[in-house]
Amino acid sequence: MTVDVGERLRFVRTQKKMSQRLLAKRAGVTSSTIAMIESNEVNPSVGALKRVLDGIPMGLAEFFSVTAPADEHQAFYRASELVEIGKGDISYRQVGSYSNGNMLQILKETYQPGADTGSVPLQHDGEEGGVVIRGQLEVTVDGERCVLGPGDAYSFESRRPHRFRCVGAEPCEVISACTPPTF
């Protein structure tokens, strides 16, 4: 399932009764950046989208669950039911919906060679961890870098500045979890 980020941002912004200008000011970006995202002229990195959503304020999990009907009783998900919350060189496929106040977010992440979460480190409340399934992932936490391969894992408080980058010649796949689902 693929999500139209621009359409969803416009929907959320208007539901919150915010102008593009107000959101841009709160997010620390230009009004034209918000307009280009909403018209799908630009595809923001996950880090850039997170910064825009911080201006609402809203987490990525909530953003990608806004219009999806949540079935609180569903326990099993087929691969085709995972919700794509990333576009481009990094794919984040989310298990289920997080609009019901769930406490745990689970993602299947795929990084194309050279893909990076951005030059500005991510920071948010909670904890996160993951296991590399395939490929090589460089993880930086508080300036400390480590290249992880298949079977290697990471776990840290998400308030610590962090970023991820695929450093191998093949795509990198990771299964990760975040609590609460603020990503």
Protein backbone atom coordinates (compact mmCIF):
# COMPACT_ATOMS: atom_id res chain seq x y z
CA MET A 1 0.00 0.00 0.00
CA THR A 2 1.54 3.34 -1.05
CA VAL A 3 0.64 6.63 0.61
CA ASP A 4 0.43 10.02 -1.14
CA VAL A 5 2.53 12.10 1.29
CA GLY A 6 1.59 15.43 -0.28
CA GLU A 7 -2.14 14.77 -0.20
CA ARG A 8 -1.93 13.49 3.37
CA LEU A 9 0.09 16.52 4.54
CA ARG A 10 -2.48 18.87 2.98
CA PHE A 11 -5.31 16.94 4.67
CA VAL A 12 -3.64 16.98 8.10
CA ARG A 13 -2.66 20.66 7.81
CA THR A 14 -6.19 21.73 6.85
CA GLN A 15 -7.74 19.54 9.57
CA LYS A 16 -5.54 21.42 12.06
CA LYS A 17 -6.72 24.71 10.47
CA MET A 18 -3.16 25.73 9.61
CA SER A 19 -2.03 27.69 6.57
CA GLN A 20 1.02 26.60 4.60
CA ARG A 21 2.73 29.74 5.87
CA LEU A 22 2.03 28.95 9.55
CA LEU A 23 3.20 25.35 9.20
CA ALA A 24 6.34 26.48 7.40
CA LYS A 25 7.11 28.98 10.16
CA ARG A 26 6.60 26.39 12.91
CA ALA A 27 8.69 23.80 11.04
CA GLY A 28 11.49 26.22 10.16
CA VAL A 29 11.13 25.81 6.39
CA THR A 30 9.85 28.04 3.59
CA SER A 31 6.21 28.18 2.52
CA SER A 32 7.28 27.04 -0.94
CA THR A 33 8.76 23.88 0.61
CA ILE A 34 5.37 23.00 2.13
CA ALA A 35 3.64 23.79 -1.20
CA MET A 36 6.09 21.61 -3.16
CA ILE A 37 5.63 18.69 -0.74
CA GLU A 38 1.84 18.99 -0.92
CA SER A 39 1.89 19.07 -4.73
CA ASN A 40 4.36 16.13 -4.79
CA GLU A 41 6.96 18.24 -6.62
CA VAL A 42 9.49 17.18 -4.00
CA ASN A 43 9.76 13.97 -2.05
CA PRO A 44 10.97 14.84 1.48
CA SER A 45 13.39 12.58 3.29
CA VAL A 46 11.96 10.96 6.40
CA GLY A 47 14.02 13.38 8.53
CA ALA A 48 12.69 16.40 6.62
CA LEU A 49 9.10 15.15 6.88
CA LYS A 50 9.59 14.57 10.62
CA ARG A 51 10.73 18.19 11.03
CA VAL A 52 7.68 19.43 9.09
CA LEU A 53 5.37 17.29 11.22
CA ASP A 54 7.01 18.60 14.39
CA GLY A 55 5.47 21.95 13.38
CA ILE A 56 1.94 20.51 13.65
CA PRO A 57 2.94 18.71 16.13
CA MET A 58 2.45 15.11 15.01
CA GLY A 59 4.61 12.00 14.84
CA LEU A 60 5.24 10.03 11.67
CA ALA A 61 3.26 7.03 12.91
CA GLU A 62 0.19 9.16 13.58
CA PHE A 63 0.65 10.97 10.25
CA PHE A 64 0.61 7.74 8.28
CA SER A 65 -2.33 6.37 10.26
CA VAL A 66 -4.60 9.41 10.02
CA THR A 67 -6.91 8.22 7.25
CA ALA A 68 -6.32 4.49 7.55
CA PRO A 69 -9.17 2.79 9.37
CA ALA A 70 -7.72 0.97 12.35
CA ASP A 71 -8.84 -2.53 13.18
CA GLU A 72 -7.81 -2.94 16.79
CA HIS A 73 -8.52 -6.67 16.65
CA GLN A 74 -6.26 -7.52 13.71
CA ALA A 75 -3.30 -9.61 14.84
CA PHE A 76 -1.80 -10.85 11.56
CA TYR A 77 -0.65 -8.88 8.51
CA ARG A 78 0.22 -10.06 5.03
CA ALA A 79 3.14 -8.36 3.28
CA SER A 80 0.65 -6.54 1.03
CA GLU A 81 -1.05 -5.02 4.11
CA LEU A 82 2.06 -3.27 5.43
CA VAL A 83 1.65 0.51 5.03
CA GLU A 84 4.46 2.21 3.07
CA ILE A 85 5.46 5.35 4.98
CA GLY A 86 8.64 6.11 3.03
CA LYS A 87 9.30 6.90 -0.59
CA GLY A 88 12.44 6.88 -2.64
CA ASP A 89 15.70 5.36 -1.45
CA ILE A 90 14.36 4.32 1.97
CA SER A 91 11.24 2.23 2.35
CA TYR A 92 9.54 2.02 5.75
CA ARG A 93 6.74 -0.55 5.75
CA GLN A 94 4.71 -0.22 8.93
CA VAL A 95 2.91 -3.15 10.56
CA GLY A 96 -0.67 -2.10 11.33
CA SER A 97 -2.05 1.28 12.32
CA TYR A 98 -0.98 3.43 15.24
CA SER A 99 -4.02 5.68 15.62
CA ASN A 100 -5.51 3.64 18.49
CA GLY A 101 -2.88 4.62 21.05
CA ASN A 102 -0.76 1.51 20.49
CA MET A 103 2.52 1.54 22.39
CA LEU A 104 4.78 -0.23 19.86
CA GLN A 105 5.61 0.53 16.22
CA ILE A 106 7.16 -2.18 14.05
CA LEU A 107 8.79 -1.44 10.69
CA LYS A 108 10.38 -3.42 7.86
CA GLU A 109 12.97 -0.98 6.55
CA THR A 110 14.79 -1.21 3.21
CA TYR A 111 17.68 1.13 2.41
CA GLN A 112 18.99 1.30 -1.15
CA PRO A 113 22.81 1.55 -1.52
CA GLY A 114 23.92 4.99 -0.31
CA ALA A 115 20.50 5.82 1.20
CA ASP A 116 20.71 7.99 4.28
CA THR A 117 18.16 9.36 6.76
CA GLY A 118 19.63 12.84 6.24
CA SER A 119 22.45 15.03 7.43
CA VAL A 120 20.43 16.32 10.39
CA PRO A 121 20.24 13.59 13.04
CA LEU A 122 16.81 12.34 14.09
CA GLN A 123 15.66 12.84 17.70
CA HIS A 124 12.32 11.94 19.28
CA ASP A 125 10.91 10.57 22.52
CA GLY A 126 11.05 6.87 23.21
CA GLU A 127 13.29 3.92 22.52
CA GLU A 128 14.10 2.06 19.32
CA GLY A 129 15.93 -1.00 18.24
CA GLY A 130 16.41 -3.17 15.22
CA VAL A 131 18.09 -6.18 13.69
CA VAL A 132 19.85 -6.07 10.32
CA ILE A 133 18.53 -8.86 8.12
CA ARG A 134 20.55 -8.20 4.95
CA GLY A 135 23.23 -5.74 3.83
CA GLN A 136 25.39 -3.26 5.75
CA LEU A 137 23.90 -0.40 7.82
CA GLU A 138 25.95 2.38 9.35
CA VAL A 139 24.24 3.57 12.55
CA THR A 140 25.38 6.78 14.23
CA VAL A 141 24.20 7.52 17.79
CA ASP A 142 25.53 10.59 19.64
CA GLY A 143 28.34 10.83 17.09
CA GLU A 144 29.47 7.21 17.61
CA ARG A 145 29.35 5.18 14.36
CA CYS A 146 29.09 1.45 13.88
CA VAL A 147 28.59 -0.60 10.71
CA LEU A 148 26.20 -3.47 11.33
CA GLY A 149 25.70 -6.55 9.16
CA PRO A 150 23.22 -9.43 9.07
CA GLY A 151 22.30 -10.55 12.58
CA ASP A 152 23.78 -7.44 14.23
CA ALA A 153 21.43 -5.18 16.20
CA TYR A 154 21.04 -1.74 17.79
CA SER A 155 18.99 -0.38 20.70
CA PHE A 156 19.02 3.13 22.19
CA GLU A 157 16.94 5.97 23.64
CA SER A 158 15.57 7.88 20.67
CA ARG A 159 16.25 11.27 22.27
CA ARG A 160 19.91 10.67 21.47
CA PRO A 161 20.75 12.16 18.02
CA HIS A 162 20.86 9.33 15.48
CA ARG A 163 20.98 8.55 11.78
CA PHE A 164 21.15 5.54 9.49
CA ARG A 165 22.97 4.95 6.18
CA CYS A 166 23.32 1.95 3.85
CA VAL A 167 27.05 1.58 3.23
CA GLY A 168 27.11 -1.58 1.15
CA ALA A 169 26.70 -2.26 -2.55
CA GLU A 170 23.42 -4.11 -1.95
CA PRO A 171 20.18 -2.93 -0.32
CA CYS A 172 20.01 -3.23 3.46
CA GLU A 173 16.95 -4.65 5.22
CA VAL A 174 16.17 -4.07 8.89
CA ILE A 175 13.32 -5.09 11.17
CA SER A 176 12.89 -2.36 13.77
CA ALA A 177 10.64 -1.38 16.64
CA CYS A 178 9.99 1.97 18.31
CA THR A 179 8.05 2.73 21.47
CA PRO A 180 6.05 4.85 21.67
CA PRO A 181 5.35 5.04 17.93
CA THR A 182 6.68 8.57 17.45
CA PHE A 183 8.61 7.83 14.26
